[in-house]
Amino acid sequence: MVRTPLTPEERERGERLGALLRAARGGRSMVEVAAGAGLSAETLRKIETGRAPTPAFFTIAALADTLGLSLDDLLRRCAVVAA
């Protein structure tokens, strides 16, 4: 199966998500947060840097829970900004 290339908007949304997660992590280590969410530190690193701009729903849900974030708030803050 061939994956459709991401649009610039999807890449931008992934970068916003990564920045939000990185900010929410604050002083906690990447290893600590990843372990709390049941992920590898490398997976969290890829999401935070935008290299994995479309992570699975349950990955984001686990990170949001670990970081004390609302999924509704993440959605609003990551939505594509209309020009």
PDB file of N, CA and C in Angstrom:
ATOM      1  N   MET A   1       0.840  -1.175   0.000  1.00  0.00           N
ATOM      2  CA  MET A   1       0.000   0.000   0.000  1.00  0.00           C
ATOM      3  C   MET A   1       0.884   1.237   0.000  1.00  0.00           C
ATOM      4  N   VAL A   2       0.603   2.164  -0.884  1.00  0.00           N
ATOM      5  CA  VAL A   2       1.366   3.402  -1.004  1.00  0.00           C
ATOM      6  C   VAL A   2       0.686   4.474  -0.166  1.00  0.00           C
ATOM      7  N   ARG A   3       1.467   5.145   0.643  1.00  0.00           N
ATOM      8  CA  ARG A   3       0.929   6.208   1.490  1.00  0.00           C
ATOM      9  C   ARG A   3       0.912   7.521   0.708  1.00  0.00           C
ATOM     10  N   THR A   4      -0.209   8.225   0.780  1.00  0.00           N
ATOM     11  CA  THR A   4      -0.341   9.520   0.121  1.00  0.00           C
ATOM     12  C   THR A   4       0.565  10.530   0.822  1.00  0.00           C
ATOM     13  N   PRO A   5       1.317  11.316   0.059  1.00  0.00           N
ATOM     14  CA  PRO A   5       2.182  12.319   0.694  1.00  0.00           C
ATOM     15  C   PRO A   5       1.353  13.313   1.511  1.00  0.00           C
ATOM     16  N   LEU A   6       1.946  13.784   2.596  1.00  0.00           N
ATOM     17  CA  LEU A   6       1.263  14.759   3.439  1.00  0.00           C
ATOM     18  C   LEU A   6       1.228  16.120   2.764  1.00  0.00           C
ATOM     19  N   THR A   7       0.173  16.847   3.028  1.00  0.00           N
ATOM     20  CA  THR A   7       0.053  18.205   2.503  1.00  0.00           C
ATOM     21  C   THR A   7       0.885  19.141   3.384  1.00  0.00           C
ATOM     22  N   PRO A   8       1.204  20.322   2.880  1.00  0.00           N
ATOM     23  CA  PRO A   8       1.909  21.296   3.726  1.00  0.00           C
ATOM     24  C   PRO A   8       1.126  21.620   5.009  1.00  0.00           C
ATOM     25  N   GLU A   9      -0.195  21.642   4.916  1.00  0.00           N
ATOM     26  CA  GLU A   9      -1.020  21.927   6.091  1.00  0.00           C
ATOM     27  C   GLU A   9      -0.901  20.818   7.134  1.00  0.00           C
ATOM     28  N   GLU A  10      -0.850  19.570   6.672  1.00  0.00           N
ATOM     29  CA  GLU A  10      -0.698  18.445   7.597  1.00  0.00           C
ATOM     30  C   GLU A  10       0.664  18.484   8.281  1.00  0.00           C
ATOM     31  N   ARG A  11       1.685  18.838   7.521  1.00  0.00           N
ATOM     32  CA  ARG A  11       3.022  18.963   8.117  1.00  0.00           C
ATOM     33  C   ARG A  11       3.053  20.080   9.156  1.00  0.00           C
ATOM     34  N   GLU A  12       2.432  21.205   8.823  1.00  0.00           N
ATOM     35  CA  GLU A  12       2.383  22.347   9.741  1.00  0.00           C
ATOM     36  C   GLU A  12       1.620  21.984  11.016  1.00  0.00           C
ATOM     37  N   ARG A  13       0.511  21.271  10.871  1.00  0.00           N
ATOM     38  CA  ARG A  13      -0.263  20.843  12.034  1.00  0.00           C
ATOM     39  C   ARG A  13       0.583  19.924  12.916  1.00  0.00           C
ATOM     40  N   GLY A  14       1.349  19.037  12.300  1.00  0.00           N
ATOM     41  CA  GLY A  14       2.234  18.156  13.065  1.00  0.00           C
ATOM     42  C   GLY A  14       3.306  18.923  13.816  1.00  0.00           C
ATOM     43  N   GLU A  15       3.820  19.980  13.204  1.00  0.00           N
ATOM     44  CA  GLU A  15       4.813  20.818  13.879  1.00  0.00           C
ATOM     45  C   GLU A  15       4.195  21.546  15.065  1.00  0.00           C
ATOM     46  N   ARG A  16       2.953  22.038  14.896  1.00  0.00           N
ATOM     47  CA  ARG A  16       2.266  22.702  16.015  1.00  0.00           C
ATOM     48  C   ARG A  16       2.019  21.713  17.152  1.00  0.00           C
ATOM     49  N   LEU A  17       1.590  20.502  16.807  1.00  0.00           N
ATOM     50  CA  LEU A  17       1.368  19.475  17.824  1.00  0.00           C
ATOM     51  C   LEU A  17       2.662  19.205  18.588  1.00  0.00           C
ATOM     52  N   GLY A  18       3.741  19.026  17.865  1.00  0.00           N
ATOM     53  CA  GLY A  18       5.030  18.757  18.508  1.00  0.00           C
ATOM     54  C   GLY A  18       5.447  19.873  19.446  1.00  0.00           C
ATOM     55  N   ALA A  19       5.255  21.110  19.017  1.00  0.00           N
ATOM     56  CA  ALA A  19       5.619  22.261  19.859  1.00  0.00           C
ATOM     57  C   ALA A  19       4.757  22.307  21.116  1.00  0.00           C
ATOM     58  N   LEU A  20       3.472  22.015  20.975  1.00  0.00           N
ATOM     59  CA  LEU A  20       2.578  22.008  22.133  1.00  0.00           C
ATOM     60  C   LEU A  20       2.974  20.922  23.128  1.00  0.00           C
ATOM     61  N   LEU A  21       3.271  19.742  22.629  1.00  0.00           N
ATOM     62  CA  LEU A  21       3.677  18.651  23.509  1.00  0.00           C
ATOM     63  C   LEU A  21       5.000  18.960  24.195  1.00  0.00           C
ATOM     64  N   ARG A  22       5.930  19.530  23.459  1.00  0.00           N
ATOM     65  CA  ARG A  22       7.236  19.882  24.018  1.00  0.00           C
ATOM     66  C   ARG A  22       7.069  20.919  25.128  1.00  0.00           C
ATOM     67  N   ALA A  23       6.215  21.920  24.890  1.00  0.00           N
ATOM     68  CA  ALA A  23       5.970  22.956  25.893  1.00  0.00           C
ATOM     69  C   ALA A  23       5.295  22.353  27.126  1.00  0.00           C
ATOM     70  N   ALA A  24       4.342  21.460  26.922  1.00  0.00           N
ATOM     71  CA  ALA A  24       3.632  20.837  28.037  1.00  0.00           C
ATOM     72  C   ALA A  24       4.556  19.931  28.847  1.00  0.00           C
ATOM     73  N   ARG A  25       5.531  19.357  28.186  1.00  0.00           N
ATOM     74  CA  ARG A  25       6.483  18.474  28.885  1.00  0.00           C
ATOM     75  C   ARG A  25       7.314  19.273  29.872  1.00  0.00           C
ATOM     76  N   GLY A  26       7.575  20.550  29.549  1.00  0.00           N
ATOM     77  CA  GLY A  26       8.314  21.427  30.450  1.00  0.00           C
ATOM     78  C   GLY A  26       9.667  20.855  30.822  1.00  0.00           C
ATOM     79  N   GLY A  27       9.921  20.771  32.118  1.00  0.00           N
ATOM     80  CA  GLY A  27      11.211  20.288  32.607  1.00  0.00           C
ATOM     81  C   GLY A  27      11.309  18.785  32.722  1.00  0.00           C
ATOM     82  N   ARG A  28      10.218  18.078  32.437  1.00  0.00           N
ATOM     83  CA  ARG A  28      10.277  16.616  32.514  1.00  0.00           C
ATOM     84  C   ARG A  28      11.076  16.070  31.343  1.00  0.00           C
ATOM     85  N   SER A  29      11.757  14.995  31.573  1.00  0.00           N
ATOM     86  CA  SER A  29      12.562  14.415  30.502  1.00  0.00           C
ATOM     87  C   SER A  29      11.675  13.723  29.476  1.00  0.00           C
ATOM     88  N   MET A  30      12.203  13.620  28.282  1.00  0.00           N
ATOM     89  CA  MET A  30      11.506  12.934  27.203  1.00  0.00           C
ATOM     90  C   MET A  30      11.286  11.463  27.577  1.00  0.00           C
ATOM     91  N   VAL A  31      12.263  10.856  28.207  1.00  0.00           N
ATOM     92  CA  VAL A  31      12.173   9.445  28.615  1.00  0.00           C
ATOM     93  C   VAL A  31      11.052   9.260  29.641  1.00  0.00           C
ATOM     94  N   GLU A  32      10.960  10.174  30.609  1.00  0.00           N
ATOM     95  CA  GLU A  32       9.926  10.088  31.644  1.00  0.00           C
ATOM     96  C   GLU A  32       8.521  10.180  31.048  1.00  0.00           C
ATOM     97  N   VAL A  33       8.311  11.163  30.178  1.00  0.00           N
ATOM     98  CA  VAL A  33       6.987  11.363  29.579  1.00  0.00           C
ATOM     99  C   VAL A  33       6.643  10.205  28.642  1.00  0.00           C
ATOM    100  N   ALA A  34       7.597   9.788  27.837  1.00  0.00           N
ATOM    101  CA  ALA A  34       7.349   8.675  26.918  1.00  0.00           C
ATOM    102  C   ALA A  34       6.980   7.417  27.687  1.00  0.00           C
ATOM    103  N   ALA A  35       7.711   7.122  28.742  1.00  0.00           N
ATOM    104  CA  ALA A  35       7.422   5.928  29.548  1.00  0.00           C
ATOM    105  C   ALA A  35       6.035   6.027  30.177  1.00  0.00           C
ATOM    106  N   GLY A  36       5.675   7.197  30.649  1.00  0.00           N
ATOM    107  CA  GLY A  36       4.360   7.396  31.250  1.00  0.00           C
ATOM    108  C   GLY A  36       3.231   7.163  30.264  1.00  0.00           C
ATOM    109  N   ALA A  37       3.503   7.440  28.993  1.00  0.00           N
ATOM    110  CA  ALA A  37       2.501   7.257  27.942  1.00  0.00           C
ATOM    111  C   ALA A  37       2.604   5.893  27.272  1.00  0.00           C
ATOM    112  N   GLY A  38       3.583   5.091  27.679  1.00  0.00           N
ATOM    113  CA  GLY A  38       3.752   3.761  27.079  1.00  0.00           C
ATOM    114  C   GLY A  38       4.379   3.797  25.705  1.00  0.00           C
ATOM    115  N   LEU A  39       5.222   4.803  25.472  1.00  0.00           N
ATOM    116  CA  LEU A  39       5.886   4.977  24.173  1.00  0.00           C
ATOM    117  C   LEU A  39       7.391   4.913  24.350  1.00  0.00           C
ATOM    118  N   SER A  40       8.089   4.795  23.246  1.00  0.00           N
ATOM    119  CA  SER A  40       9.541   4.922  23.298  1.00  0.00           C
ATOM    120  C   SER A  40       9.889   6.409  23.243  1.00  0.00           C
ATOM    121  N   ALA A  41      11.046   6.732  23.785  1.00  0.00           N
ATOM    122  CA  ALA A  41      11.511   8.124  23.722  1.00  0.00           C
ATOM    123  C   ALA A  41      11.699   8.546  22.259  1.00  0.00           C
ATOM    124  N   GLU A  42      12.097   7.615  21.402  1.00  0.00           N
ATOM    125  CA  GLU A  42      12.293   7.936  19.982  1.00  0.00           C
ATOM    126  C   GLU A  42      10.970   8.297  19.322  1.00  0.00           C
ATOM    127  N   THR A  43       9.889   7.622  19.668  1.00  0.00           N
ATOM    128  CA  THR A  43       8.577   7.968  19.111  1.00  0.00           C
ATOM    129  C   THR A  43       8.187   9.373  19.539  1.00  0.00           C
ATOM    130  N   LEU A  44       8.360   9.686  20.823  1.00  0.00           N
ATOM    131  CA  LEU A  44       8.042  11.037  21.308  1.00  0.00           C
ATOM    132  C   LEU A  44       8.928  12.066  20.617  1.00  0.00           C
ATOM    133  N   ARG A  45      10.195  11.757  20.438  1.00  0.00           N
ATOM    134  CA  ARG A  45      11.120  12.680  19.758  1.00  0.00           C
ATOM    135  C   ARG A  45      10.632  12.964  18.337  1.00  0.00           C
ATOM    136  N   LYS A  46      10.205  11.940  17.631  1.00  0.00           N
ATOM    137  CA  LYS A  46       9.724  12.128  16.262  1.00  0.00           C
ATOM    138  C   LYS A  46       8.465  12.993  16.226  1.00  0.00           C
ATOM    139  N   ILE A  47       7.565  12.790  17.194  1.00  0.00           N
ATOM    140  CA  ILE A  47       6.346  13.600  17.230  1.00  0.00           C
ATOM    141  C   ILE A  47       6.698  15.045  17.566  1.00  0.00           C
ATOM    142  N   GLU A  48       7.537  15.247  18.560  1.00  0.00           N
ATOM    143  CA  GLU A  48       7.894  16.607  18.979  1.00  0.00           C
ATOM    144  C   GLU A  48       8.630  17.384  17.897  1.00  0.00           C
ATOM    145  N   THR A  49       9.394  16.699  17.075  1.00  0.00           N
ATOM    146  CA  THR A  49      10.159  17.393  16.039  1.00  0.00           C
ATOM    147  C   THR A  49       9.420  17.488  14.708  1.00  0.00           C
ATOM    148  N   GLY A  50       8.223  16.905  14.645  1.00  0.00           N
ATOM    149  CA  GLY A  50       7.447  16.959  13.406  1.00  0.00           C
ATOM    150  C   GLY A  50       7.811  15.892  12.401  1.00  0.00           C
ATOM    151  N   ARG A  51       8.724  14.994  12.753  1.00  0.00           N
ATOM    152  CA  ARG A  51       9.092  13.902  11.834  1.00  0.00           C
ATOM    153  C   ARG A  51       8.009  12.832  11.757  1.00  0.00           C
ATOM    154  N   ALA A  52       7.097  12.833  12.739  1.00  0.00           N
ATOM    155  CA  ALA A  52       5.931  11.942  12.730  1.00  0.00           C
ATOM    156  C   ALA A  52       4.701  12.845  12.910  1.00  0.00           C
ATOM    157  N   PRO A  53       4.316  13.551  11.843  1.00  0.00           N
ATOM    158  CA  PRO A  53       3.280  14.579  11.970  1.00  0.00           C
ATOM    159  C   PRO A  53       1.849  14.062  12.114  1.00  0.00           C
ATOM    160  N   THR A  54       1.635  12.766  11.904  1.00  0.00           N
ATOM    161  CA  THR A  54       0.277  12.221  12.014  1.00  0.00           C
ATOM    162  C   THR A  54       0.272  10.982  12.904  1.00  0.00           C
ATOM    163  N   PRO A  55       0.590  11.157  14.194  1.00  0.00           N
ATOM    164  CA  PRO A  55       0.600   9.999  15.083  1.00  0.00           C
ATOM    165  C   PRO A  55      -0.805   9.441  15.286  1.00  0.00           C
ATOM    166  N   ALA A  56      -0.876   8.201  15.692  1.00  0.00           N
ATOM    167  CA  ALA A  56      -2.156   7.532  15.924  1.00  0.00           C
ATOM    168  C   ALA A  56      -2.913   8.205  17.067  1.00  0.00           C
ATOM    169  N   PHE A  57      -4.241   8.105  16.999  1.00  0.00           N
ATOM    170  CA  PHE A  57      -5.097   8.718  18.015  1.00  0.00           C
ATOM    171  C   PHE A  57      -4.720   8.269  19.418  1.00  0.00           C
ATOM    172  N   PHE A  58      -4.553   6.964  19.629  1.00  0.00           N
ATOM    173  CA  PHE A  58      -4.282   6.473  20.976  1.00  0.00           C
ATOM    174  C   PHE A  58      -2.904   6.895  21.474  1.00  0.00           C
ATOM    175  N   THR A  59      -1.987   7.169  20.576  1.00  0.00           N
ATOM    176  CA  THR A  59      -0.682   7.715  20.966  1.00  0.00           C
ATOM    177  C   THR A  59      -0.867   9.117  21.526  1.00  0.00           C
ATOM    178  N   ILE A  60      -1.626   9.942  20.815  1.00  0.00           N
ATOM    179  CA  ILE A  60      -1.880  11.308  21.267  1.00  0.00           C
ATOM    180  C   ILE A  60      -2.699  11.299  22.552  1.00  0.00           C
ATOM    181  N   ALA A  61      -3.692  10.407  22.635  1.00  0.00           N
ATOM    182  CA  ALA A  61      -4.508  10.314  23.851  1.00  0.00           C
ATOM    183  C   ALA A  61      -3.639   9.964  25.058  1.00  0.00           C
ATOM    184  N   ALA A  62      -2.709   9.026  24.896  1.00  0.00           N
ATOM    185  CA  ALA A  62      -1.830   8.630  25.996  1.00  0.00           C
ATOM    186  C   ALA A  62      -0.908   9.780  26.397  1.00  0.00           C
ATOM    187  N   LEU A  63      -0.380  10.503  25.417  1.00  0.00           N
ATOM    188  CA  LEU A  63       0.477  11.649  25.727  1.00  0.00           C
ATOM    189  C   LEU A  63      -0.313  12.758  26.417  1.00  0.00           C
ATOM    190  N   ALA A  64      -1.504  13.022  25.923  1.00  0.00           N
ATOM    191  CA  ALA A  64      -2.340  14.065  26.527  1.00  0.00           C
ATOM    192  C   ALA A  64      -2.637  13.708  27.985  1.00  0.00           C
ATOM    193  N   ASP A  65      -2.961  12.458  28.248  1.00  0.00           N
ATOM    194  CA  ASP A  65      -3.248  12.021  29.613  1.00  0.00           C
ATOM    195  C   ASP A  65      -2.019  12.182  30.498  1.00  0.00           C
ATOM    196  N   THR A  66      -0.882  11.756  30.017  1.00  0.00           N
ATOM    197  CA  THR A  66       0.359  11.854  30.784  1.00  0.00           C
ATOM    198  C   THR A  66       0.730  13.301  31.075  1.00  0.00           C
ATOM    199  N   LEU A  67       0.469  14.183  30.116  1.00  0.00           N
ATOM    200  CA  LEU A  67       0.836  15.592  30.265  1.00  0.00           C
ATOM    201  C   LEU A  67      -0.270  16.450  30.871  1.00  0.00           C
ATOM    202  N   GLY A  68      -1.437  15.840  31.129  1.00  0.00           N
ATOM    203  CA  GLY A  68      -2.542  16.589  31.714  1.00  0.00           C
ATOM    204  C   GLY A  68      -3.187  17.553  30.735  1.00  0.00           C
ATOM    205  N   LEU A  69      -3.191  17.180  29.462  1.00  0.00           N
ATOM    206  CA  LEU A  69      -3.777  18.024  28.425  1.00  0.00           C
ATOM    207  C   LEU A  69      -5.140  17.509  28.013  1.00  0.00           C
ATOM    208  N   SER A  70      -5.988  18.411  27.575  1.00  0.00           N
ATOM    209  CA  SER A  70      -7.292  18.058  27.041  1.00  0.00           C
ATOM    210  C   SER A  70      -7.162  17.775  25.548  1.00  0.00           C
ATOM    211  N   LEU A  71      -7.774  16.696  25.085  1.00  0.00           N
ATOM    212  CA  LEU A  71      -7.762  16.407  23.644  1.00  0.00           C
ATOM    213  C   LEU A  71      -8.485  17.505  22.878  1.00  0.00           C
ATOM    214  N   ASP A  72      -9.554  18.050  23.447  1.00  0.00           N
ATOM    215  CA  ASP A  72     -10.278  19.143  22.790  1.00  0.00           C
ATOM    216  C   ASP A  72      -9.370  20.353  22.599  1.00  0.00           C
ATOM    217  N   ASP A  73      -8.608  20.678  23.636  1.00  0.00           N
ATOM    218  CA  ASP A  73      -7.700  21.822  23.549  1.00  0.00           C
ATOM    219  C   ASP A  73      -6.603  21.559  22.520  1.00  0.00           C
ATOM    220  N   LEU A  74      -6.049  20.355  22.515  1.00  0.00           N
ATOM    221  CA  LEU A  74      -5.026  20.026  21.512  1.00  0.00           C
ATOM    222  C   LEU A  74      -5.580  20.177  20.103  1.00  0.00           C
ATOM    223  N   LEU A  75      -6.797  19.697  19.884  1.00  0.00           N
ATOM    224  CA  LEU A  75      -7.408  19.803  18.570  1.00  0.00           C
ATOM    225  C   LEU A  75      -7.550  21.266  18.158  1.00  0.00           C
ATOM    226  N   ARG A  76      -8.083  22.074  19.045  1.00  0.00           N
ATOM    227  CA  ARG A  76      -8.259  23.501  18.723  1.00  0.00           C
ATOM    228  C   ARG A  76      -6.935  24.172  18.422  1.00  0.00           C
ATOM    229  N   ARG A  77      -5.932  23.877  19.218  1.00  0.00           N
ATOM    230  CA  ARG A  77      -4.653  24.559  19.070  1.00  0.00           C
ATOM    231  C   ARG A  77      -3.828  24.058  17.885  1.00  0.00           C
ATOM    232  N   CYS A  78      -4.146  22.869  17.400  1.00  0.00           N
ATOM    233  CA  CYS A  78      -3.415  22.317  16.254  1.00  0.00           C
ATOM    234  C   CYS A  78      -4.151  22.486  14.939  1.00  0.00           C
ATOM    235  N   ALA A  79      -5.387  22.950  14.996  1.00  0.00           N
ATOM    236  CA  ALA A  79      -6.181  23.084  13.778  1.00  0.00           C
ATOM    237  C   ALA A  79      -5.505  24.037  12.791  1.00  0.00           C
ATOM    238  N   VAL A  80      -5.769  23.798  11.531  1.00  0.00           N
ATOM    239  CA  VAL A  80      -5.199  24.642  10.483  1.00  0.00           C
ATOM    240  C   VAL A  80      -5.750  26.047  10.617  1.00  0.00           C
ATOM    241  N   VAL A  81      -4.858  27.010  10.616  1.00  0.00           N
ATOM    242  CA  VAL A  81      -5.239  28.411  10.739  1.00  0.00           C
ATOM    243  C   VAL A  81      -5.612  28.935   9.366  1.00  0.00           C
ATOM    244  N   ALA A  82      -6.838  29.461   9.229  1.00  0.00           N
ATOM    245  CA  ALA A  82      -7.289  30.022   7.946  1.00  0.00           C
ATOM    246  C   ALA A  82      -6.586  31.339   7.674  1.00  0.00           C
ATOM    247  N   ALA A  83      -6.155  31.515   6.458  1.00  0.00           N
ATOM    248  CA  ALA A  83      -5.436  32.746   6.097  1.00  0.00           C
ATOM    249  C   ALA A  83      -6.384  33.823   5.642  1.00  0.00           C
TER     250      ALA A  83
END
